[in-house]
C-alpha atoms as a PDB file:
ATOM      1  CA  UNK A   1    -249.814  42.335 121.485  1.00  0.00           C
ATOM      2  CA  UNK A   2    -249.526  46.004 121.013  1.00  0.00           C
ATOM      3  CA  UNK A   3    -247.772  48.321 118.352  1.00  0.00           C
ATOM      4  CA  UNK A   4    -249.564  48.569 114.710  1.00  0.00           C
ATOM      5  CA  UNK A   5    -251.052  45.657 113.546  1.00  0.00           C
ATOM      6  CA  UNK A   6    -254.629  46.641 111.505  1.00  0.00           C
ATOM      7  CA  UNK A   7    -253.096  47.118 107.925  1.00  0.00           C
ATOM      8  CA  UNK A   8    -256.851  47.391 106.844  1.00  0.00           C
ATOM      9  CA  UNK A   9    -257.702  49.885 109.813  1.00  0.00           C
ATOM     10  CA  UNK A  10    -254.473  51.928 109.196  1.00  0.00           C
ATOM     11  CA  UNK A  11    -255.234  51.983 105.368  1.00  0.00           C
ATOM     12  CA  UNK A  12    -258.781  53.415 106.275  1.00  0.00           C
ATOM     13  CA  UNK A  13    -257.374  56.227 108.816  1.00  0.00           C
ATOM     14  CA  UNK A  14    -255.002  56.991 105.732  1.00  0.00           C
ATOM     15  CA  UNK A  15    -257.659  57.240 103.045  1.00  0.00           C
ATOM     16  CA  UNK A  16    -259.511  59.488 105.552  1.00  0.00           C
ATOM     17  CA  UNK A  17    -256.788  62.081 105.872  1.00  0.00           C
ATOM     18  CA  UNK A  18    -255.453  61.633 102.440  1.00  0.00           C
ATOM     19  CA  UNK A  19    -252.147  60.403 103.028  1.00  0.00           C
ATOM     20  CA  UNK A  20    -251.377  57.392 101.652  1.00  0.00           C
ATOM     21  CA  UNK A  21    -249.549  53.778 103.460  1.00  0.00           C
ATOM     22  CA  UNK A  22    -246.133  53.575 101.626  1.00  0.00           C
ATOM     23  CA  UNK A  23    -245.308  49.821 100.549  1.00  0.00           C
ATOM     24  CA  UNK A  24    -242.760  49.198 102.933  1.00  0.00           C
ATOM     25  CA  UNK A  25    -244.439  50.145 105.860  1.00  0.00           C
ATOM     26  CA  UNK A  26    -247.705  48.045 104.507  1.00  0.00           C
ATOM     27  CA  UNK A  27    -245.191  45.210 104.157  1.00  0.00           C
ATOM     28  CA  UNK A  28    -243.794  45.763 107.763  1.00  0.00           C
ATOM     29  CA  UNK A  29    -247.637  45.753 109.177  1.00  0.00           C
ATOM     30  CA  UNK A  30    -248.827  42.695 107.129  1.00  0.00           C
ATOM     31  CA  UNK A  31    -245.623  40.738 108.415  1.00  0.00           C
ATOM     32  CA  UNK A  32    -246.078  41.689 112.013  1.00  0.00           C
ATOM     33  CA  UNK A  33    -242.715  43.754 112.197  1.00  0.00           C
ATOM     34  CA  UNK A  34    -244.626  46.872 113.922  1.00  0.00           C
ATOM     35  CA  UNK A  35    -246.315  44.695 116.463  1.00  0.00           C
ATOM     36  CA  UNK A  36    -245.216  43.932 119.765  1.00  0.00           C
ATOM     37  CA  UNK A  37    -245.466  40.444 121.347  1.00  0.00           C
ATOM     38  CA  UNK A  38    -247.512  40.400 124.766  1.00  0.00           C
ATOM     39  CA  UNK A  39    -244.196  39.064 126.661  1.00  0.00           C
ATOM     40  CA  UNK A  40    -242.199  41.970 125.297  1.00  0.00           C
ATOM     41  CA  UNK A  41    -241.442  44.196 128.169  1.00  0.00           C
ATOM     42  CA  UNK A  42    -240.409  41.017 129.689  1.00  0.00           C
ATOM     43  CA  UNK A  43    -238.470  39.115 127.127  1.00  0.00           C
ATOM     44  CA  UNK A  44    -236.762  41.974 125.171  1.00  0.00           C
ATOM     45  CA  UNK A  45    -233.391  41.205 126.251  1.00  0.00           C
ATOM     46  CA  UNK A  46    -234.029  37.814 124.471  1.00  0.00           C
ATOM     47  CA  UNK A  47    -236.116  39.097 121.641  1.00  0.00           C
ATOM     48  CA  UNK A  48    -234.191  42.253 120.408  1.00  0.00           C
ATOM     49  CA  UNK A  49    -230.623  40.282 119.210  1.00  0.00           C
ATOM     50  CA  UNK A  50    -232.854  37.561 117.330  1.00  0.00           C
ATOM     51  CA  UNK A  51    -236.332  38.895 115.807  1.00  0.00           C
ATOM     52  CA  UNK A  52    -236.847  42.514 116.895  1.00  0.00           C
ATOM     53  CA  UNK A  53    -239.776  44.489 115.994  1.00  0.00           C
ATOM     54  CA  UNK A  54    -238.613  47.024 113.297  1.00  0.00           C
ATOM     55  CA  UNK A  55    -236.778  49.599 114.333  1.00  0.00           C
ATOM     56  CA  UNK A  56    -236.385  48.231 117.740  1.00  0.00           C
ATOM     57  CA  UNK A  57    -232.779  48.588 117.817  1.00  0.00           C
ATOM     58  CA  UNK A  58    -233.296  52.710 116.994  1.00  0.00           C
ATOM     59  CA  UNK A  59    -233.209  55.136 119.610  1.00  0.00           C
ATOM     60  CA  UNK A  60    -236.653  56.232 121.425  1.00  0.00           C
ATOM     61  CA  UNK A  61    -238.776  54.955 118.983  1.00  0.00           C
ATOM     62  CA  UNK A  62    -241.985  52.939 119.606  1.00  0.00           C
ATOM     63  CA  UNK A  63    -244.755  52.208 116.754  1.00  0.00           C
ATOM     64  CA  UNK A  64    -248.257  53.241 117.891  1.00  0.00           C
ATOM     65  CA  UNK A  65    -251.595  51.424 117.836  1.00  0.00           C
ATOM     66  CA  UNK A  66    -254.137  52.106 115.479  1.00  0.00           C
ATOM     67  CA  UNK A  67    -256.332  53.241 118.150  1.00  0.00           C
ATOM     68  CA  UNK A  68    -253.632  56.016 119.300  1.00  0.00           C
ATOM     69  CA  UNK A  69    -252.965  56.574 115.530  1.00  0.00           C
ATOM     70  CA  UNK A  70    -256.480  57.686 115.167  1.00  0.00           C
ATOM     71  CA  UNK A  71    -256.634  59.536 118.555  1.00  0.00           C
ATOM     72  CA  UNK A  72    -253.544  61.857 117.562  1.00  0.00           C
ATOM     73  CA  UNK A  73    -255.235  62.522 114.155  1.00  0.00           C
ATOM     74  CA  UNK A  74    -258.352  63.559 115.646  1.00  0.00           C
ATOM     75  CA  UNK A  75    -257.659  65.277 118.823  1.00  0.00           C
ATOM     76  CA  UNK A  76    -254.062  67.237 117.874  1.00  0.00           C
ATOM     77  CA  UNK A  77    -252.822  66.614 114.112  1.00  0.00           C
ATOM     78  CA  UNK A  78    -255.747  67.696 112.459  1.00  0.00           C
ATOM     79  CA  UNK A  79    -255.286  69.311 109.256  1.00  0.00           C
ATOM     80  CA  UNK A  80    -257.931  72.360 110.194  1.00  0.00           C
ATOM     81  CA  UNK A  81    -255.870  72.787 113.576  1.00  0.00           C
ATOM     82  CA  UNK A  82    -252.097  72.604 111.605  1.00  0.00           C
ATOM     83  CA  UNK A  83    -252.372  75.351 109.073  1.00  0.00           C
ATOM     84  CA  UNK A  84    -253.624  72.683 106.577  1.00  0.00           C
ATOM     85  CA  UNK A  85    -250.877  69.725 107.030  1.00  0.00           C
ATOM     86  CA  UNK A  86    -251.841  66.702 106.866  1.00  0.00           C
ATOM     87  CA  UNK A  87    -250.393  64.088 109.310  1.00  0.00           C
ATOM     88  CA  UNK A  88    -250.412  59.759 109.394  1.00  0.00           C
ATOM     89  CA  UNK A  89    -248.766  59.107 112.615  1.00  0.00           C
ATOM     90  CA  UNK A  90    -246.807  55.644 113.144  1.00  0.00           C
ATOM     91  CA  UNK A  91    -244.575  55.586 115.720  1.00  0.00           C
ATOM     92  CA  UNK A  92    -243.849  58.070 118.698  1.00  0.00           C
ATOM     93  CA  UNK A  93    -240.898  58.487 121.157  1.00  0.00           C
ATOM     94  CA  UNK A  94    -241.322  58.528 125.010  1.00  0.00           C
ATOM     95  CA  UNK A  95    -241.360  61.998 125.197  1.00  0.00           C
ATOM     96  CA  UNK A  96    -244.572  62.168 122.999  1.00  0.00           C
ATOM     97  CA  UNK A  97    -243.039  63.805 119.407  1.00  0.00           C
ATOM     98  CA  UNK A  98    -244.763  61.843 116.694  1.00  0.00           C
ATOM     99  CA  UNK A  99    -243.197  60.033 113.763  1.00  0.00           C
ATOM    100  CA  UNK A 100    -245.344  60.852 110.906  1.00  0.00           C
ATOM    101  CA  UNK A 101    -246.086  60.810 107.119  1.00  0.00           C
ATOM    102  CA  UNK A 102    -246.461  63.902 106.063  1.00  0.00           C
ATOM    103  CA  UNK A 103    -248.767  65.897 103.287  1.00  0.00           C
ATOM    104  CA  UNK A 104    -248.177  69.768 103.436  1.00  0.00           C
ATOM    105  CA  UNK A 105    -250.688  72.068 102.433  1.00  0.00           C
ATOM    106  CA  UNK A 106    -248.683  73.282  99.306  1.00  0.00           C
ATOM    107  CA  UNK A 107    -249.084  69.147  98.096  1.00  0.00           C
ATOM    108  CA  UNK A 108    -245.388  68.545  99.246  1.00  0.00           C
ATOM    109  CA  UNK A 109    -245.141  65.333 100.744  1.00  0.00           C
ATOM    110  CA  UNK A 110    -242.549  63.135 103.242  1.00  0.00           C
ATOM    111  CA  UNK A 111    -241.573  61.931 106.323  1.00  0.00           C
ATOM    112  CA  UNK A 112    -240.691  63.447 109.657  1.00  0.00           C
ATOM    113  CA  UNK A 113    -241.191  64.103 113.221  1.00  0.00           C
ATOM    114  CA  UNK A 114    -243.445  66.405 114.708  1.00  0.00           C
ATOM    115  CA  UNK A 115    -242.258  67.919 117.514  1.00  0.00           C
ATOM    116  CA  UNK A 116    -244.846  68.051 120.389  1.00  0.00           C
ATOM    117  CA  UNK A 117    -243.437  70.825 122.434  1.00  0.00           C
ATOM    118  CA  UNK A 118    -241.838  73.045 119.435  1.00  0.00           C
ATOM    119  CA  UNK A 119    -243.493  75.692 116.907  1.00  0.00           C
ATOM    120  CA  UNK A 120    -241.529  74.028 114.246  1.00  0.00           C
ATOM    121  CA  UNK A 121    -240.495  70.876 113.009  1.00  0.00           C
ATOM    122  CA  UNK A 122    -239.187  69.330 109.918  1.00  0.00           C
ATOM    123  CA  UNK A 123    -239.606  66.972 107.139  1.00  0.00           C
ATOM    124  CA  UNK A 124    -236.358  65.635 106.611  1.00  0.00           C
ATOM    125  CA  UNK A 125    -237.040  62.252 104.320  1.00  0.00           C
ATOM    126  CA  UNK A 126    -238.771  62.092 100.906  1.00  0.00           C
ATOM    127  CA  UNK A 127    -240.547  59.080 102.057  1.00  0.00           C
ATOM    128  CA  UNK A 128    -240.754  56.432 104.907  1.00  0.00           C
ATOM    129  CA  UNK A 129    -237.943  53.953 103.338  1.00  0.00           C
ATOM    130  CA  UNK A 130    -235.579  56.655 103.371  1.00  0.00           C
ATOM    131  CA  UNK A 131    -236.563  57.276 107.138  1.00  0.00           C
ATOM    132  CA  UNK A 132    -235.980  53.857 107.983  1.00  0.00           C
ATOM    133  CA  UNK A 133    -232.558  54.078 106.211  1.00  0.00           C
ATOM    134  CA  UNK A 134    -231.638  57.012 108.119  1.00  0.00           C
ATOM    135  CA  UNK A 135    -232.435  55.177 111.713  1.00  0.00           C
ATOM    136  CA  UNK A 136    -230.592  52.184 110.953  1.00  0.00           C
ATOM    137  CA  UNK A 137    -227.560  54.173 109.894  1.00  0.00           C
ATOM    138  CA  UNK A 138    -227.758  56.327 112.925  1.00  0.00           C
ATOM    139  CA  UNK A 139    -227.620  53.201 115.015  1.00  0.00           C
ATOM    140  CA  UNK A 140    -224.655  51.525 113.118  1.00  0.00           C
ATOM    141  CA  UNK A 141    -223.048  54.884 114.088  1.00  0.00           C
ATOM    142  CA  UNK A 142    -223.436  54.590 117.881  1.00  0.00           C
ATOM    143  CA  UNK A 143    -224.897  52.033 119.632  1.00  0.00           C
ATOM    144  CA  UNK A 144    -224.700  53.333 123.121  1.00  0.00           C
ATOM    145  CA  UNK A 145    -228.214  53.406 123.955  1.00  0.00           C
ATOM    146  CA  UNK A 146    -227.854  49.703 123.241  1.00  0.00           C
ATOM    147  CA  UNK A 147    -225.322  49.364 125.826  1.00  0.00           C
ATOM    148  CA  UNK A 148    -227.282  49.780 128.899  1.00  0.00           C
ATOM    149  CA  UNK A 149    -228.883  46.514 128.572  1.00  0.00           C
ATOM    150  CA  UNK A 150    -226.586  44.597 126.417  1.00  0.00           C
ATOM    151  CA  UNK A 151    -222.430  44.000 125.799  1.00  0.00           C
ATOM    152  CA  UNK A 152    -221.177  45.712 122.662  1.00  0.00           C
ATOM    153  CA  UNK A 153    -221.306  42.838 120.848  1.00  0.00           C
ATOM    154  CA  UNK A 154    -225.152  41.966 121.532  1.00  0.00           C
ATOM    155  CA  UNK A 155    -225.580  45.464 121.024  1.00  0.00           C
ATOM    156  CA  UNK A 156    -224.262  44.955 117.638  1.00  0.00           C
ATOM    157  CA  UNK A 157    -226.336  41.770 117.182  1.00  0.00           C
ATOM    158  CA  UNK A 158    -229.779  43.768 118.006  1.00  0.00           C
ATOM    159  CA  UNK A 159    -229.124  46.195 115.072  1.00  0.00           C
ATOM    160  CA  UNK A 160    -227.707  43.600 112.836  1.00  0.00           C
ATOM    161  CA  UNK A 161    -230.929  41.359 113.471  1.00  0.00           C
ATOM    162  CA  UNK A 162    -232.921  44.781 112.706  1.00  0.00           C
ATOM    163  CA  UNK A 163    -231.651  45.175 109.687  1.00  0.00           C
ATOM    164  CA  UNK A 164    -231.583  41.037 108.442  1.00  0.00           C
ATOM    165  CA  UNK A 165    -235.516  41.502 109.139  1.00  0.00           C
ATOM    166  CA  UNK A 166    -235.985  45.029 107.315  1.00  0.00           C
ATOM    167  CA  UNK A 167    -233.763  44.728 104.033  1.00  0.00           C
ATOM    168  CA  UNK A 168    -235.648  42.348 101.991  1.00  0.00           C
ATOM    169  CA  UNK A 169    -238.216  45.069 101.945  1.00  0.00           C
ATOM    170  CA  UNK A 170    -236.070  48.059 101.121  1.00  0.00           C
ATOM    171  CA  UNK A 171    -234.457  48.967  97.584  1.00  0.00           C
ATOM    172  CA  UNK A 172    -231.959  46.235  96.823  1.00  0.00           C
ATOM    173  CA  UNK A 173    -228.844  48.822  96.841  1.00  0.00           C
ATOM    174  CA  UNK A 174    -230.199  50.028 100.255  1.00  0.00           C
ATOM    175  CA  UNK A 175    -230.712  46.726 101.570  1.00  0.00           C
ATOM    176  CA  UNK A 176    -227.221  45.739 100.485  1.00  0.00           C
ATOM    177  CA  UNK A 177    -225.211  48.846 101.987  1.00  0.00           C
ATOM    178  CA  UNK A 178    -226.973  48.430 105.330  1.00  0.00           C
ATOM    179  CA  UNK A 179    -226.164  44.779 105.318  1.00  0.00           C
ATOM    180  CA  UNK A 180    -222.818  45.681 104.590  1.00  0.00           C
ATOM    181  CA  UNK A 181    -222.211  48.014 107.111  1.00  0.00           C
ATOM    182  CA  UNK A 182    -223.701  45.765 109.675  1.00  0.00           C
ATOM    183  CA  UNK A 183    -221.356  42.950 109.612  1.00  0.00           C
ATOM    184  CA  UNK A 184    -218.343  44.612 110.616  1.00  0.00           C
ATOM    185  CA  UNK A 185    -216.937  44.278 114.022  1.00  0.00           C
ATOM    186  CA  UNK A 186    -217.952  47.008 116.530  1.00  0.00           C
ATOM    187  CA  UNK A 187    -215.399  49.704 117.810  1.00  0.00           C
ATOM    188  CA  UNK A 188    -214.794  52.570 119.549  1.00  0.00           C
ATOM    189  CA  UNK A 189    -215.097  56.170 117.931  1.00  0.00           C
ATOM    190  CA  UNK A 190    -215.415  60.052 118.829  1.00  0.00           C
ATOM    191  CA  UNK A 191    -218.714  61.667 117.924  1.00  0.00           C
ATOM    192  CA  UNK A 192    -219.984  65.034 118.833  1.00  0.00           C
ATOM    193  CA  UNK A 193    -223.655  65.201 119.390  1.00  0.00           C
ATOM    194  CA  UNK A 194    -223.907  69.126 118.686  1.00  0.00           C
ATOM    195  CA  UNK A 195    -221.974  72.156 117.533  1.00  0.00           C
ATOM    196  CA  UNK A 196    -220.940  73.095 121.473  1.00  0.00           C
ATOM    197  CA  UNK A 197    -221.116  69.596 122.834  1.00  0.00           C
ATOM    198  CA  UNK A 198    -218.064  67.832 123.984  1.00  0.00           C
ATOM    199  CA  UNK A 199    -216.897  64.571 121.501  1.00  0.00           C
ATOM    200  CA  UNK A 200    -217.287  61.430 123.390  1.00  0.00           C
ATOM    201  CA  UNK A 201    -216.616  58.218 122.612  1.00  0.00           C
ATOM    202  CA  UNK A 202    -219.094  55.526 121.693  1.00  0.00           C
ATOM    203  CA  UNK A 203    -219.778  52.308 120.463  1.00  0.00           C
ATOM    204  CA  UNK A 204    -220.056  51.855 116.410  1.00  0.00           C
ATOM    205  CA  UNK A 205    -220.062  49.546 113.486  1.00  0.00           C
ATOM    206  CA  UNK A 206    -219.410  53.013 111.188  1.00  0.00           C
ATOM    207  CA  UNK A 207    -217.383  56.146 111.653  1.00  0.00           C
ATOM    208  CA  UNK A 208    -218.957  59.449 111.590  1.00  0.00           C
ATOM    209  CA  UNK A 209    -217.644  60.008 108.668  1.00  0.00           C
ATOM    210  CA  UNK A 210    -219.011  57.171 106.668  1.00  0.00           C
ATOM    211  CA  UNK A 211    -222.127  57.828 108.281  1.00  0.00           C
ATOM    212  CA  UNK A 212    -222.272  61.365 107.075  1.00  0.00           C
ATOM    213  CA  UNK A 213    -221.472  60.351 103.465  1.00  0.00           C
ATOM    214  CA  UNK A 214    -224.109  57.406 103.830  1.00  0.00           C
ATOM    215  CA  UNK A 215    -226.940  59.268 105.333  1.00  0.00           C
ATOM    216  CA  UNK A 216    -226.734  61.839 102.449  1.00  0.00           C
ATOM    217  CA  UNK A 217    -228.737  59.420 100.118  1.00  0.00           C
ATOM    218  CA  UNK A 218    -231.441  59.126 102.456  1.00  0.00           C
ATOM    219  CA  UNK A 219    -231.793  62.820 103.588  1.00  0.00           C
ATOM    220  CA  UNK A 220    -234.065  65.417 101.405  1.00  0.00           C
ATOM    221  CA  UNK A 221    -230.986  68.168 100.195  1.00  0.00           C
ATOM    222  CA  UNK A 222    -232.638  70.973 102.201  1.00  0.00           C
ATOM    223  CA  UNK A 223    -234.910  70.081 105.393  1.00  0.00           C
ATOM    224  CA  UNK A 224    -238.650  71.216 104.643  1.00  0.00           C
ATOM    225  CA  UNK A 225    -239.334  73.447 108.260  1.00  0.00           C
ATOM    226  CA  UNK A 226    -243.423  73.454 108.897  1.00  0.00           C
ATOM    227  CA  UNK A 227    -245.299  75.174 111.777  1.00  0.00           C
ATOM    228  CA  UNK A 228    -247.610  72.988 114.397  1.00  0.00           C
ATOM    229  CA  UNK A 229    -250.019  74.154 116.611  1.00  0.00           C
ATOM    230  CA  UNK A 230    -249.091  72.343 119.792  1.00  0.00           C
ATOM    231  CA  UNK A 231    -251.772  69.745 121.357  1.00  0.00           C
ATOM    232  CA  UNK A 232    -252.479  71.842 124.231  1.00  0.00           C
ATOM    233  CA  UNK A 233    -253.783  74.746 122.164  1.00  0.00           C
ATOM    234  CA  UNK A 234    -255.851  72.632 119.652  1.00  0.00           C
END
């Protein structure tokens, strides 16, 4: 198995960095939700609609192993090289961006994505639980990344299964909100991925307006921008 499995080791790394492990993330690790089965690559078509790893239905997200997280902390995301900011990585994108718990030099804490090829990144969430809810809402708004491998109904089932495994760990109101939205039937809706992008039709379980209204509950009122040193300059 791969992914994040060693809670004791992860907490040890967190203590070294000074960024605590939130309860929801600790429970995910304890329950095996952040680990991938040995046969995952060959069996994910069967696994995702029934017993997915946490956030497996979301776009471009993969849990890191403990060794990988430690390497990132020691070779790139070192506070002395990152303007005093500290990071506890827990996942990565395919491009090499890092999902991390963050403690800025001024003491502010939260969760966000550290971009590997940009000077500035953003802390958009007050904590890990808000990050999880926002990622799932993004998927409820746009299932298109799942329809390369699944028909629309099965794509919807993938995010339903993901939410059903995570909801018991979340605040009751958040879990009920996500479960209620996921219970709908999928439909086609128009989204715009950027201010200059053309609208496109995608399969979804919530509308763009519903997404905007709901996700506002889980975002910081103003994202916190922080500067990072790219890995090749450390």
